[in-house]
N, C-alpha and C. Protein backbone atom coordinates (compact mmCIF):
# COMPACT_ATOMS: atom_id res chain seq x y z
N MET A 1 0.84 -1.19 0.00
CA MET A 1 0.00 0.00 0.00
C MET A 1 0.88 1.25 0.00
N LYS A 2 0.54 2.20 -0.86
CA LYS A 2 1.32 3.43 -0.96
C LYS A 2 1.08 4.30 0.26
N GLN A 3 2.17 4.76 0.88
CA GLN A 3 2.05 5.60 2.05
C GLN A 3 1.61 7.01 1.67
N ALA A 4 0.79 7.61 2.54
CA ALA A 4 0.34 8.97 2.31
C ALA A 4 1.53 9.93 2.44
N PHE A 5 1.53 10.95 1.61
CA PHE A 5 2.61 11.92 1.64
C PHE A 5 2.57 12.72 2.94
N VAL A 6 3.71 12.87 3.56
CA VAL A 6 3.84 13.69 4.76
C VAL A 6 4.67 14.91 4.41
N ASP A 7 4.08 16.08 4.52
CA ASP A 7 4.77 17.32 4.16
C ASP A 7 5.77 17.66 5.25
N PRO A 8 7.06 17.67 4.94
CA PRO A 8 8.07 17.95 5.96
C PRO A 8 8.04 19.39 6.47
N TYR A 9 7.33 20.26 5.77
CA TYR A 9 7.27 21.66 6.17
C TYR A 9 6.14 21.96 7.16
N CYS A 10 5.27 20.97 7.38
CA CYS A 10 4.11 21.19 8.24
C CYS A 10 4.25 20.46 9.57
N TYR A 11 3.56 20.98 10.58
CA TYR A 11 3.50 20.26 11.85
C TYR A 11 2.82 18.92 11.61
N PRO A 12 3.30 17.85 12.24
CA PRO A 12 2.74 16.51 12.01
C PRO A 12 1.22 16.48 12.17
N GLY A 13 0.56 15.87 11.20
CA GLY A 13 -0.88 15.70 11.24
C GLY A 13 -1.68 16.95 10.90
N THR A 14 -1.00 18.00 10.42
CA THR A 14 -1.69 19.25 10.08
C THR A 14 -1.24 19.75 8.72
N ASN A 15 -1.90 20.81 8.24
CA ASN A 15 -1.44 21.51 7.04
C ASN A 15 -0.94 22.90 7.40
N VAL A 16 -0.49 23.05 8.64
CA VAL A 16 0.05 24.32 9.14
C VAL A 16 1.57 24.30 9.02
N LEU A 17 2.12 25.28 8.34
CA LEU A 17 3.56 25.34 8.14
C LEU A 17 4.29 25.58 9.46
N LYS A 18 5.38 24.86 9.66
CA LYS A 18 6.22 25.10 10.84
C LYS A 18 6.76 26.53 10.76
N ASN A 19 6.69 27.21 11.88
CA ASN A 19 7.08 28.62 11.87
C ASN A 19 7.78 29.01 13.15
N LEU A 20 8.53 30.11 13.08
CA LEU A 20 9.36 30.54 14.20
C LEU A 20 8.53 31.03 15.38
N ALA A 21 7.27 31.41 15.13
CA ALA A 21 6.39 31.85 16.21
C ALA A 21 5.63 30.68 16.82
N ASP A 22 5.81 29.49 16.25
CA ASP A 22 5.13 28.28 16.71
C ASP A 22 3.61 28.44 16.75
N ILE A 23 3.09 29.11 15.74
CA ILE A 23 1.64 29.26 15.60
C ILE A 23 1.07 27.99 14.98
N ARG A 24 0.10 27.39 15.65
CA ARG A 24 -0.45 26.11 15.18
C ARG A 24 -1.81 26.27 14.51
N ASP A 25 -2.38 27.45 14.56
CA ASP A 25 -3.67 27.71 13.93
C ASP A 25 -3.44 28.31 12.55
N ARG A 26 -4.01 27.69 11.53
CA ARG A 26 -3.71 28.12 10.16
C ARG A 26 -4.18 29.53 9.86
N ASP A 27 -5.39 29.89 10.31
CA ASP A 27 -5.90 31.24 10.05
C ASP A 27 -5.03 32.28 10.73
N MET A 28 -4.62 32.00 11.97
CA MET A 28 -3.76 32.94 12.67
C MET A 28 -2.40 33.07 11.98
N LEU A 29 -1.90 31.95 11.48
CA LEU A 29 -0.62 31.99 10.78
C LEU A 29 -0.73 32.82 9.51
N GLU A 30 -1.81 32.67 8.78
CA GLU A 30 -1.99 33.43 7.53
C GLU A 30 -2.06 34.92 7.82
N MET A 31 -2.75 35.30 8.90
CA MET A 31 -2.84 36.72 9.26
C MET A 31 -1.48 37.27 9.68
N THR A 32 -0.75 36.47 10.44
CA THR A 32 0.58 36.89 10.88
C THR A 32 1.52 37.03 9.68
N GLU A 33 1.44 36.05 8.78
CA GLU A 33 2.28 36.08 7.58
C GLU A 33 1.99 37.32 6.74
N ALA A 34 0.71 37.62 6.55
CA ALA A 34 0.33 38.78 5.74
C ALA A 34 0.86 40.07 6.34
N ALA A 35 0.76 40.20 7.65
CA ALA A 35 1.23 41.41 8.32
C ALA A 35 2.74 41.55 8.22
N LEU A 36 3.45 40.46 8.44
CA LEU A 36 4.90 40.51 8.40
C LEU A 36 5.43 40.79 7.00
N THR A 37 4.87 40.12 6.01
CA THR A 37 5.36 40.33 4.64
C THR A 37 5.02 41.72 4.14
N ALA A 38 3.87 42.26 4.58
CA ALA A 38 3.53 43.63 4.19
C ALA A 38 4.56 44.62 4.72
N SER A 39 5.01 44.39 5.94
CA SER A 39 6.00 45.29 6.54
C SER A 39 7.36 45.15 5.88
N GLN A 40 7.66 43.99 5.31
CA GLN A 40 8.96 43.76 4.68
C GLN A 40 8.98 44.14 3.21
N THR A 41 7.81 44.27 2.60
CA THR A 41 7.75 44.57 1.17
C THR A 41 8.42 45.89 0.85
N LEU A 42 8.17 46.91 1.66
CA LEU A 42 8.78 48.21 1.42
C LEU A 42 10.30 48.12 1.51
N LEU A 43 10.79 47.31 2.43
CA LEU A 43 12.24 47.12 2.56
C LEU A 43 12.83 46.55 1.28
N VAL A 44 12.14 45.58 0.69
CA VAL A 44 12.60 45.00 -0.57
C VAL A 44 12.56 46.06 -1.68
N GLU A 45 11.45 46.80 -1.76
CA GLU A 45 11.28 47.77 -2.85
C GLU A 45 12.30 48.90 -2.78
N THR A 46 12.70 49.28 -1.60
CA THR A 46 13.66 50.39 -1.47
C THR A 46 15.10 49.93 -1.62
N SER A 47 15.30 48.62 -1.77
CA SER A 47 16.67 48.12 -1.92
C SER A 47 16.87 47.39 -3.25
N PHE A 48 16.02 47.69 -4.23
CA PHE A 48 16.16 47.07 -5.55
C PHE A 48 17.55 47.38 -6.12
N SER A 49 18.24 46.34 -6.59
CA SER A 49 19.54 46.54 -7.24
C SER A 49 19.87 45.31 -8.08
N PRO A 50 20.47 45.50 -9.25
CA PRO A 50 20.86 44.38 -10.10
C PRO A 50 22.09 43.68 -9.51
N PRO A 51 22.40 42.47 -9.99
CA PRO A 51 21.67 41.72 -11.01
C PRO A 51 20.48 40.95 -10.44
N TYR A 52 19.49 40.71 -11.26
CA TYR A 52 18.32 39.95 -10.84
C TYR A 52 18.53 38.48 -11.21
N ASP A 53 19.34 37.86 -10.37
CA ASP A 53 19.74 36.47 -10.57
C ASP A 53 19.15 35.59 -9.47
N LEU A 54 19.59 34.34 -9.39
CA LEU A 54 19.06 33.42 -8.39
C LEU A 54 19.33 33.93 -6.98
N ALA A 55 20.52 34.46 -6.75
CA ALA A 55 20.84 34.97 -5.42
C ALA A 55 19.86 36.07 -5.01
N LYS A 56 19.46 36.92 -5.96
CA LYS A 56 18.52 37.99 -5.65
C LYS A 56 17.13 37.42 -5.34
N LEU A 57 16.71 36.41 -6.09
CA LEU A 57 15.42 35.78 -5.83
C LEU A 57 15.38 35.20 -4.41
N LEU A 58 16.45 34.52 -4.02
CA LEU A 58 16.52 33.93 -2.69
C LEU A 58 16.55 35.02 -1.61
N LEU A 59 17.25 36.11 -1.89
CA LEU A 59 17.33 37.21 -0.93
C LEU A 59 15.97 37.85 -0.71
N ILE A 60 15.23 38.05 -1.77
CA ILE A 60 13.89 38.64 -1.66
C ILE A 60 13.00 37.74 -0.80
N HIS A 61 13.04 36.45 -1.06
CA HIS A 61 12.22 35.52 -0.27
C HIS A 61 12.63 35.54 1.20
N ARG A 62 13.93 35.56 1.44
CA ARG A 62 14.42 35.57 2.82
C ARG A 62 14.03 36.87 3.53
N THR A 63 14.06 37.98 2.82
CA THR A 63 13.67 39.26 3.41
C THR A 63 12.19 39.27 3.75
N LEU A 64 11.37 38.75 2.86
CA LEU A 64 9.93 38.73 3.08
C LEU A 64 9.51 37.81 4.23
N PHE A 65 10.11 36.62 4.27
CA PHE A 65 9.60 35.58 5.16
C PHE A 65 10.54 35.16 6.28
N GLY A 66 11.73 35.79 6.37
CA GLY A 66 12.73 35.35 7.32
C GLY A 66 12.35 35.49 8.77
N LYS A 67 11.40 36.39 9.08
CA LYS A 67 10.97 36.57 10.47
C LYS A 67 9.96 35.51 10.91
N LEU A 68 9.51 34.71 9.95
CA LEU A 68 8.45 33.75 10.28
C LEU A 68 8.80 32.31 9.96
N TYR A 69 9.45 32.06 8.82
CA TYR A 69 9.66 30.68 8.40
C TYR A 69 11.15 30.32 8.39
N PRO A 70 11.49 29.17 8.94
CA PRO A 70 12.90 28.75 8.94
C PRO A 70 13.42 28.41 7.55
N PHE A 71 12.53 28.19 6.59
CA PHE A 71 12.95 27.85 5.23
C PHE A 71 13.06 29.08 4.32
N ALA A 72 12.92 30.27 4.89
CA ALA A 72 12.98 31.48 4.07
C ALA A 72 14.32 31.57 3.35
N GLY A 73 14.26 31.86 2.06
CA GLY A 73 15.47 32.00 1.27
C GLY A 73 16.07 30.69 0.81
N GLN A 74 15.32 29.60 0.97
CA GLN A 74 15.80 28.29 0.55
C GLN A 74 14.78 27.65 -0.39
N VAL A 75 15.29 26.98 -1.43
CA VAL A 75 14.36 26.28 -2.32
C VAL A 75 13.79 25.06 -1.60
N ARG A 76 12.59 24.70 -1.99
CA ARG A 76 11.93 23.58 -1.30
C ARG A 76 12.59 22.24 -1.64
N VAL A 77 12.53 21.33 -0.67
CA VAL A 77 13.10 19.99 -0.84
C VAL A 77 12.11 18.96 -0.30
N HIS A 78 12.21 17.76 -0.82
CA HIS A 78 11.44 16.61 -0.32
C HIS A 78 9.92 16.82 -0.34
N THR A 79 9.46 17.59 -1.31
CA THR A 79 8.01 17.77 -1.42
C THR A 79 7.44 17.08 -2.66
N GLY A 80 8.33 16.62 -3.56
CA GLY A 80 7.85 16.09 -4.83
C GLY A 80 7.21 17.20 -5.64
N ARG A 81 6.24 16.83 -6.45
CA ARG A 81 5.50 17.84 -7.22
C ARG A 81 4.42 18.45 -6.34
N ILE A 82 4.22 19.73 -6.48
CA ILE A 82 3.14 20.42 -5.78
C ILE A 82 2.00 20.62 -6.76
N THR A 83 0.80 20.26 -6.34
CA THR A 83 -0.40 20.44 -7.17
C THR A 83 -1.37 21.36 -6.45
N LYS A 84 -1.86 22.37 -7.16
CA LYS A 84 -2.87 23.26 -6.61
C LYS A 84 -4.12 23.16 -7.47
N VAL A 85 -5.25 22.97 -6.83
CA VAL A 85 -6.52 22.85 -7.53
C VAL A 85 -7.29 24.16 -7.36
N ARG A 86 -7.57 24.83 -8.46
CA ARG A 86 -8.28 26.09 -8.41
C ARG A 86 -9.76 25.85 -8.10
N ALA A 87 -10.47 26.94 -7.80
CA ALA A 87 -11.90 26.84 -7.47
C ALA A 87 -12.69 26.22 -8.62
N SER A 88 -12.20 26.42 -9.83
CA SER A 88 -12.88 25.87 -11.01
C SER A 88 -12.68 24.36 -11.15
N GLY A 89 -11.75 23.83 -10.36
CA GLY A 89 -11.41 22.41 -10.46
C GLY A 89 -10.17 22.17 -11.30
N TYR A 90 -9.63 23.22 -11.90
CA TYR A 90 -8.44 23.10 -12.74
C TYR A 90 -7.22 22.84 -11.85
N ALA A 91 -6.45 21.81 -12.18
CA ALA A 91 -5.28 21.44 -11.38
C ALA A 91 -4.01 21.96 -12.05
N VAL A 92 -3.19 22.64 -11.27
CA VAL A 92 -1.90 23.17 -11.74
C VAL A 92 -0.80 22.39 -11.04
N VAL A 93 0.10 21.83 -11.83
CA VAL A 93 1.17 20.99 -11.27
C VAL A 93 2.50 21.69 -11.46
N TYR A 94 3.25 21.84 -10.36
CA TYR A 94 4.53 22.51 -10.39
C TYR A 94 5.69 21.51 -10.32
N CYS A 95 6.87 21.99 -10.57
CA CYS A 95 8.08 21.17 -10.69
C CYS A 95 8.31 20.28 -9.46
N ASP A 96 8.74 19.05 -9.71
CA ASP A 96 9.16 18.15 -8.64
C ASP A 96 10.37 18.77 -7.95
N SER A 97 10.37 18.75 -6.63
CA SER A 97 11.46 19.39 -5.88
C SER A 97 12.83 18.80 -6.22
N ALA A 98 12.86 17.55 -6.65
CA ALA A 98 14.15 16.92 -6.99
C ALA A 98 14.82 17.60 -8.18
N PHE A 99 14.04 18.27 -9.02
CA PHE A 99 14.58 18.87 -10.23
C PHE A 99 14.71 20.39 -10.14
N ILE A 100 14.37 20.98 -8.99
CA ILE A 100 14.41 22.44 -8.87
C ILE A 100 15.81 23.01 -9.12
N PRO A 101 16.88 22.49 -8.50
CA PRO A 101 18.21 23.08 -8.75
C PRO A 101 18.57 23.11 -10.23
N GLU A 102 18.30 22.02 -10.92
CA GLU A 102 18.62 21.94 -12.35
C GLU A 102 17.77 22.91 -13.16
N GLN A 103 16.45 22.92 -12.90
CA GLN A 103 15.55 23.74 -13.70
C GLN A 103 15.71 25.23 -13.44
N ILE A 104 15.88 25.60 -12.19
CA ILE A 104 16.01 27.03 -11.90
C ILE A 104 17.36 27.55 -12.39
N GLY A 105 18.37 26.70 -12.34
CA GLY A 105 19.67 27.08 -12.89
C GLY A 105 19.57 27.34 -14.38
N LEU A 106 18.82 26.51 -15.08
CA LEU A 106 18.63 26.67 -16.52
C LEU A 106 17.92 27.98 -16.83
N VAL A 107 16.87 28.28 -16.08
CA VAL A 107 16.11 29.52 -16.31
C VAL A 107 17.01 30.73 -16.12
N PHE A 108 17.80 30.74 -15.05
CA PHE A 108 18.63 31.90 -14.79
C PHE A 108 19.81 32.02 -15.75
N ARG A 109 20.30 30.92 -16.26
CA ARG A 109 21.33 31.02 -17.30
C ARG A 109 20.76 31.65 -18.56
N ARG A 110 19.53 31.31 -18.88
CA ARG A 110 18.89 31.91 -20.06
C ARG A 110 18.60 33.39 -19.84
N LEU A 111 18.18 33.73 -18.62
CA LEU A 111 17.92 35.13 -18.31
C LEU A 111 19.20 35.95 -18.39
N ALA A 112 20.29 35.40 -17.88
CA ALA A 112 21.59 36.08 -17.96
C ALA A 112 22.03 36.24 -19.41
N ALA A 113 21.78 35.21 -20.23
CA ALA A 113 22.18 35.25 -21.63
C ALA A 113 21.43 36.36 -22.38
N GLU A 114 20.25 36.74 -21.87
CA GLU A 114 19.48 37.82 -22.47
C GLU A 114 19.74 39.15 -21.76
N GLY A 115 20.83 39.20 -21.02
CA GLY A 115 21.23 40.46 -20.38
C GLY A 115 20.25 40.95 -19.33
N TYR A 116 19.55 40.02 -18.70
CA TYR A 116 18.53 40.37 -17.69
C TYR A 116 17.51 41.36 -18.26
N LEU A 117 17.31 41.27 -19.58
CA LEU A 117 16.27 42.01 -20.30
C LEU A 117 16.51 43.52 -20.33
N THR A 118 17.72 43.96 -20.05
CA THR A 118 18.01 45.40 -20.12
C THR A 118 18.22 45.81 -21.57
N GLY A 119 17.88 47.07 -21.87
CA GLY A 119 18.08 47.62 -23.21
C GLY A 119 17.05 47.16 -24.22
N MET A 120 15.96 46.56 -23.76
CA MET A 120 14.93 46.07 -24.68
C MET A 120 13.84 47.12 -24.89
N PRO A 121 13.29 47.21 -26.11
CA PRO A 121 12.08 48.02 -26.30
C PRO A 121 10.95 47.48 -25.41
N GLN A 122 9.97 48.33 -25.16
CA GLN A 122 8.94 47.97 -24.18
C GLN A 122 8.21 46.67 -24.52
N GLN A 123 7.78 46.49 -25.75
CA GLN A 123 7.02 45.28 -26.08
C GLN A 123 7.89 44.04 -25.97
N ALA A 124 9.13 44.14 -26.38
CA ALA A 124 10.04 43.00 -26.27
C ALA A 124 10.28 42.65 -24.81
N PHE A 125 10.44 43.69 -23.97
CA PHE A 125 10.61 43.42 -22.53
C PHE A 125 9.38 42.72 -21.97
N ILE A 126 8.21 43.20 -22.30
CA ILE A 126 6.96 42.60 -21.81
C ILE A 126 6.90 41.12 -22.16
N GLU A 127 7.18 40.80 -23.41
CA GLU A 127 7.06 39.41 -23.85
C GLU A 127 8.08 38.50 -23.17
N ARG A 128 9.31 38.98 -23.04
CA ARG A 128 10.34 38.13 -22.42
C ARG A 128 10.16 38.06 -20.90
N ALA A 129 9.74 39.15 -20.28
CA ALA A 129 9.49 39.11 -18.84
C ALA A 129 8.35 38.15 -18.52
N ALA A 130 7.30 38.17 -19.32
CA ALA A 130 6.18 37.25 -19.11
C ALA A 130 6.64 35.80 -19.28
N HIS A 131 7.47 35.58 -20.26
CA HIS A 131 8.01 34.23 -20.48
C HIS A 131 8.77 33.75 -19.26
N PHE A 132 9.68 34.57 -18.77
CA PHE A 132 10.50 34.15 -17.62
C PHE A 132 9.68 34.05 -16.34
N TYR A 133 8.68 34.89 -16.22
CA TYR A 133 7.78 34.77 -15.06
C TYR A 133 7.11 33.40 -15.07
N GLY A 134 6.59 33.00 -16.22
CA GLY A 134 5.96 31.70 -16.33
C GLY A 134 6.91 30.56 -16.05
N GLU A 135 8.16 30.69 -16.52
CA GLU A 135 9.16 29.65 -16.29
C GLU A 135 9.48 29.51 -14.80
N LEU A 136 9.65 30.63 -14.11
CA LEU A 136 9.96 30.57 -12.68
C LEU A 136 8.76 30.11 -11.87
N ASP A 137 7.58 30.51 -12.29
CA ASP A 137 6.37 30.05 -11.59
C ASP A 137 6.22 28.55 -11.74
N ALA A 138 6.56 28.01 -12.89
CA ALA A 138 6.48 26.57 -13.12
C ALA A 138 7.45 25.81 -12.22
N VAL A 139 8.63 26.37 -12.01
CA VAL A 139 9.59 25.75 -11.09
C VAL A 139 9.05 25.81 -9.67
N HIS A 140 8.40 26.93 -9.31
CA HIS A 140 7.79 27.10 -7.99
C HIS A 140 8.80 26.75 -6.89
N PRO A 141 9.87 27.53 -6.80
CA PRO A 141 11.00 27.11 -5.98
C PRO A 141 10.76 27.05 -4.48
N PHE A 142 9.76 27.79 -3.98
CA PHE A 142 9.58 27.88 -2.53
C PHE A 142 8.35 27.12 -2.05
N ARG A 143 8.41 26.67 -0.83
CA ARG A 143 7.25 25.97 -0.26
C ARG A 143 6.09 26.91 -0.04
N GLU A 144 6.38 28.15 0.23
CA GLU A 144 5.35 29.18 0.44
C GLU A 144 5.91 30.50 -0.04
N GLY A 145 5.05 31.34 -0.61
CA GLY A 145 5.45 32.70 -0.95
C GLY A 145 5.99 32.91 -2.34
N ASN A 146 5.73 31.99 -3.26
CA ASN A 146 6.25 32.13 -4.62
C ASN A 146 5.69 33.38 -5.32
N SER A 147 4.40 33.60 -5.23
CA SER A 147 3.78 34.70 -5.97
C SER A 147 4.29 36.05 -5.50
N ARG A 148 4.33 36.25 -4.19
CA ARG A 148 4.80 37.53 -3.66
C ARG A 148 6.27 37.77 -4.01
N THR A 149 7.06 36.72 -3.93
CA THR A 149 8.47 36.85 -4.26
C THR A 149 8.67 37.16 -5.74
N LEU A 150 7.93 36.49 -6.61
CA LEU A 150 8.08 36.74 -8.05
C LEU A 150 7.62 38.14 -8.43
N ARG A 151 6.55 38.62 -7.82
CA ARG A 151 6.10 39.98 -8.14
C ARG A 151 7.19 41.00 -7.82
N LEU A 152 7.80 40.87 -6.67
CA LEU A 152 8.85 41.81 -6.29
C LEU A 152 10.10 41.62 -7.15
N PHE A 153 10.43 40.38 -7.44
CA PHE A 153 11.59 40.11 -8.29
C PHE A 153 11.42 40.78 -9.65
N PHE A 154 10.24 40.62 -10.26
CA PHE A 154 10.04 41.19 -11.60
C PHE A 154 9.84 42.71 -11.55
N SER A 155 9.40 43.23 -10.43
CA SER A 155 9.36 44.69 -10.28
C SER A 155 10.78 45.24 -10.32
N GLY A 156 11.70 44.56 -9.62
CA GLY A 156 13.09 44.99 -9.63
C GLY A 156 13.74 44.82 -10.99
N LEU A 157 13.45 43.70 -11.63
CA LEU A 157 13.97 43.45 -12.97
C LEU A 157 13.51 44.54 -13.94
N ALA A 158 12.22 44.89 -13.84
CA ALA A 158 11.68 45.94 -14.70
C ALA A 158 12.33 47.28 -14.42
N GLN A 159 12.52 47.61 -13.15
CA GLN A 159 13.13 48.89 -12.78
C GLN A 159 14.54 49.00 -13.35
N THR A 160 15.29 47.92 -13.27
CA THR A 160 16.66 47.92 -13.81
C THR A 160 16.64 48.14 -15.32
N ALA A 161 15.58 47.65 -15.97
CA ALA A 161 15.47 47.79 -17.43
C ALA A 161 14.82 49.11 -17.84
N GLY A 162 14.43 49.93 -16.85
CA GLY A 162 13.86 51.24 -17.17
C GLY A 162 12.35 51.27 -17.21
N TYR A 163 11.70 50.30 -16.58
CA TYR A 163 10.24 50.24 -16.59
C TYR A 163 9.71 50.08 -15.16
N GLN A 164 8.39 50.22 -15.05
CA GLN A 164 7.73 50.05 -13.77
C GLN A 164 6.55 49.10 -13.92
N LEU A 165 6.47 48.11 -13.05
CA LEU A 165 5.33 47.21 -13.00
C LEU A 165 4.47 47.60 -11.81
N ASP A 166 3.23 48.00 -12.06
CA ASP A 166 2.34 48.43 -10.98
C ASP A 166 1.33 47.32 -10.67
N TRP A 167 1.72 46.43 -9.76
CA TRP A 167 0.86 45.30 -9.41
C TRP A 167 -0.42 45.74 -8.70
N SER A 168 -0.42 46.94 -8.13
CA SER A 168 -1.61 47.40 -7.41
C SER A 168 -2.82 47.54 -8.32
N ILE A 169 -2.58 47.72 -9.61
CA ILE A 169 -3.68 47.80 -10.57
C ILE A 169 -4.49 46.50 -10.53
N LEU A 170 -3.79 45.37 -10.46
CA LEU A 170 -4.47 44.08 -10.44
C LEU A 170 -5.11 43.81 -9.08
N ALA A 171 -4.48 44.27 -8.02
CA ALA A 171 -5.00 44.02 -6.67
C ALA A 171 -6.31 44.76 -6.43
N ALA A 172 -6.55 45.83 -7.20
CA ALA A 172 -7.72 46.67 -6.96
C ALA A 172 -9.02 46.04 -7.43
N GLU A 173 -8.94 45.02 -8.25
CA GLU A 173 -10.17 44.43 -8.82
C GLU A 173 -10.06 42.92 -8.87
N GLU A 174 -11.02 42.24 -8.27
CA GLU A 174 -10.96 40.78 -8.19
C GLU A 174 -10.91 40.13 -9.56
N GLY A 175 -11.65 40.66 -10.52
CA GLY A 175 -11.65 40.09 -11.85
C GLY A 175 -10.28 40.11 -12.50
N LEU A 176 -9.53 41.18 -12.27
CA LEU A 176 -8.18 41.28 -12.82
C LEU A 176 -7.24 40.29 -12.15
N ARG A 177 -7.42 40.09 -10.85
CA ARG A 177 -6.59 39.10 -10.15
C ARG A 177 -6.85 37.71 -10.71
N GLU A 178 -8.11 37.41 -10.97
CA GLU A 178 -8.45 36.10 -11.52
C GLU A 178 -7.84 35.92 -12.90
N GLN A 179 -7.80 36.99 -13.69
CA GLN A 179 -7.17 36.92 -15.01
C GLN A 179 -5.68 36.62 -14.87
N LEU A 180 -5.05 37.23 -13.87
CA LEU A 180 -3.63 36.96 -13.63
C LEU A 180 -3.41 35.50 -13.27
N TYR A 181 -4.24 34.97 -12.38
CA TYR A 181 -4.08 33.57 -11.97
C TYR A 181 -4.25 32.64 -13.18
N ALA A 182 -5.26 32.92 -14.00
CA ALA A 182 -5.51 32.09 -15.18
C ALA A 182 -4.35 32.17 -16.17
N ALA A 183 -3.81 33.38 -16.35
CA ALA A 183 -2.68 33.56 -17.27
C ALA A 183 -1.44 32.85 -16.77
N ARG A 184 -1.19 32.92 -15.47
CA ARG A 184 -0.05 32.21 -14.89
C ARG A 184 -0.21 30.71 -15.08
N ASP A 185 -1.40 30.20 -14.82
CA ASP A 185 -1.63 28.76 -14.96
C ASP A 185 -1.42 28.30 -16.39
N LEU A 186 -1.84 29.11 -17.34
CA LEU A 186 -1.66 28.78 -18.75
C LEU A 186 -0.18 28.71 -19.09
N ALA A 187 0.59 29.65 -18.55
CA ALA A 187 2.03 29.64 -18.80
C ALA A 187 2.70 28.43 -18.16
N VAL A 188 2.26 28.07 -16.95
CA VAL A 188 2.85 26.93 -16.24
C VAL A 188 2.53 25.61 -16.93
N MET A 189 1.28 25.42 -17.27
CA MET A 189 0.84 24.11 -17.76
C MET A 189 1.06 23.92 -19.26
N HIS A 190 1.11 25.02 -20.02
CA HIS A 190 1.19 24.88 -21.47
C HIS A 190 2.34 25.68 -22.10
N GLY A 191 3.10 26.38 -21.27
CA GLY A 191 4.21 27.17 -21.81
C GLY A 191 3.77 28.33 -22.68
N ASP A 192 2.52 28.75 -22.52
CA ASP A 192 1.96 29.84 -23.32
C ASP A 192 1.88 31.10 -22.46
N SER A 193 2.78 32.04 -22.69
CA SER A 193 2.83 33.24 -21.86
C SER A 193 2.17 34.45 -22.52
N ALA A 194 1.40 34.24 -23.59
CA ALA A 194 0.79 35.37 -24.30
C ALA A 194 -0.21 36.12 -23.42
N SER A 195 -1.04 35.40 -22.69
CA SER A 195 -2.02 36.06 -21.81
C SER A 195 -1.32 36.79 -20.68
N LEU A 196 -0.25 36.20 -20.18
CA LEU A 196 0.52 36.85 -19.12
C LEU A 196 1.18 38.12 -19.66
N ALA A 197 1.66 38.07 -20.88
CA ALA A 197 2.26 39.25 -21.50
C ALA A 197 1.23 40.37 -21.64
N ALA A 198 0.00 40.02 -21.97
CA ALA A 198 -1.05 41.03 -22.09
C ALA A 198 -1.31 41.71 -20.75
N ILE A 199 -1.25 40.93 -19.68
CA ILE A 199 -1.43 41.51 -18.35
C ILE A 199 -0.25 42.39 -17.99
N PHE A 200 0.96 41.93 -18.29
CA PHE A 200 2.13 42.76 -18.04
C PHE A 200 2.01 44.09 -18.79
N ALA A 201 1.53 44.03 -20.02
CA ALA A 201 1.39 45.25 -20.82
C ALA A 201 0.44 46.26 -20.16
N SER A 202 -0.57 45.73 -19.46
CA SER A 202 -1.56 46.61 -18.83
C SER A 202 -1.06 47.28 -17.56
N ILE A 203 0.04 46.78 -16.99
CA ILE A 203 0.53 47.34 -15.73
C ILE A 203 1.96 47.89 -15.83
N LEU A 204 2.55 47.85 -17.03
CA LEU A 204 3.93 48.30 -17.21
C LEU A 204 3.97 49.65 -17.90
N SER A 205 4.89 50.49 -17.43
CA SER A 205 5.09 51.80 -18.06
C SER A 205 6.57 52.17 -17.94
N PRO A 206 7.05 53.07 -18.79
CA PRO A 206 8.44 53.52 -18.67
C PRO A 206 8.64 54.30 -17.38
N LEU A 207 9.81 54.19 -16.80
CA LEU A 207 10.13 55.00 -15.62
C LEU A 207 10.30 56.47 -15.99
């Protein structure tokens, strides 16, 4: 008989992530996490600096979540593939943790080969940024906090390239947020970043 998967990041017998505050209630943990990451977001935004490489991605995650999670700034291990089922019933499957080092290394080598997207015309930047966002989302390197980390990472990447990504536009309307989730899922599951590029185009402007 196949043994049930035990998530090494959670307290035994629960779906609550192990945390430095030893909070065992999931709702309380989510509220604490939201408050802490909100306070750290400004710190990340005011310290944007190139290069936007793997080290920077890990640093952003560690800055956001380091006060709460012992795994902050570390790629996930021993989780296998992560599957998330949307409200519609659509299942999104992310990279097996065993392949994260190889896959994320490949993505960042390609990003470096494209000069971290600096010097690109606006439309070209949008298309390539959307592509790399989808690639990193598919790897899903962290056990928690991938979306928040990627948004800040790509905000910094855009700033270095001379552009601004205003994610607050999407946060202001639930329908727009749902479009972002659907576009990300399409990029992850089918490698099609066109819808994601359209969303990037709606929130990106020159600095």
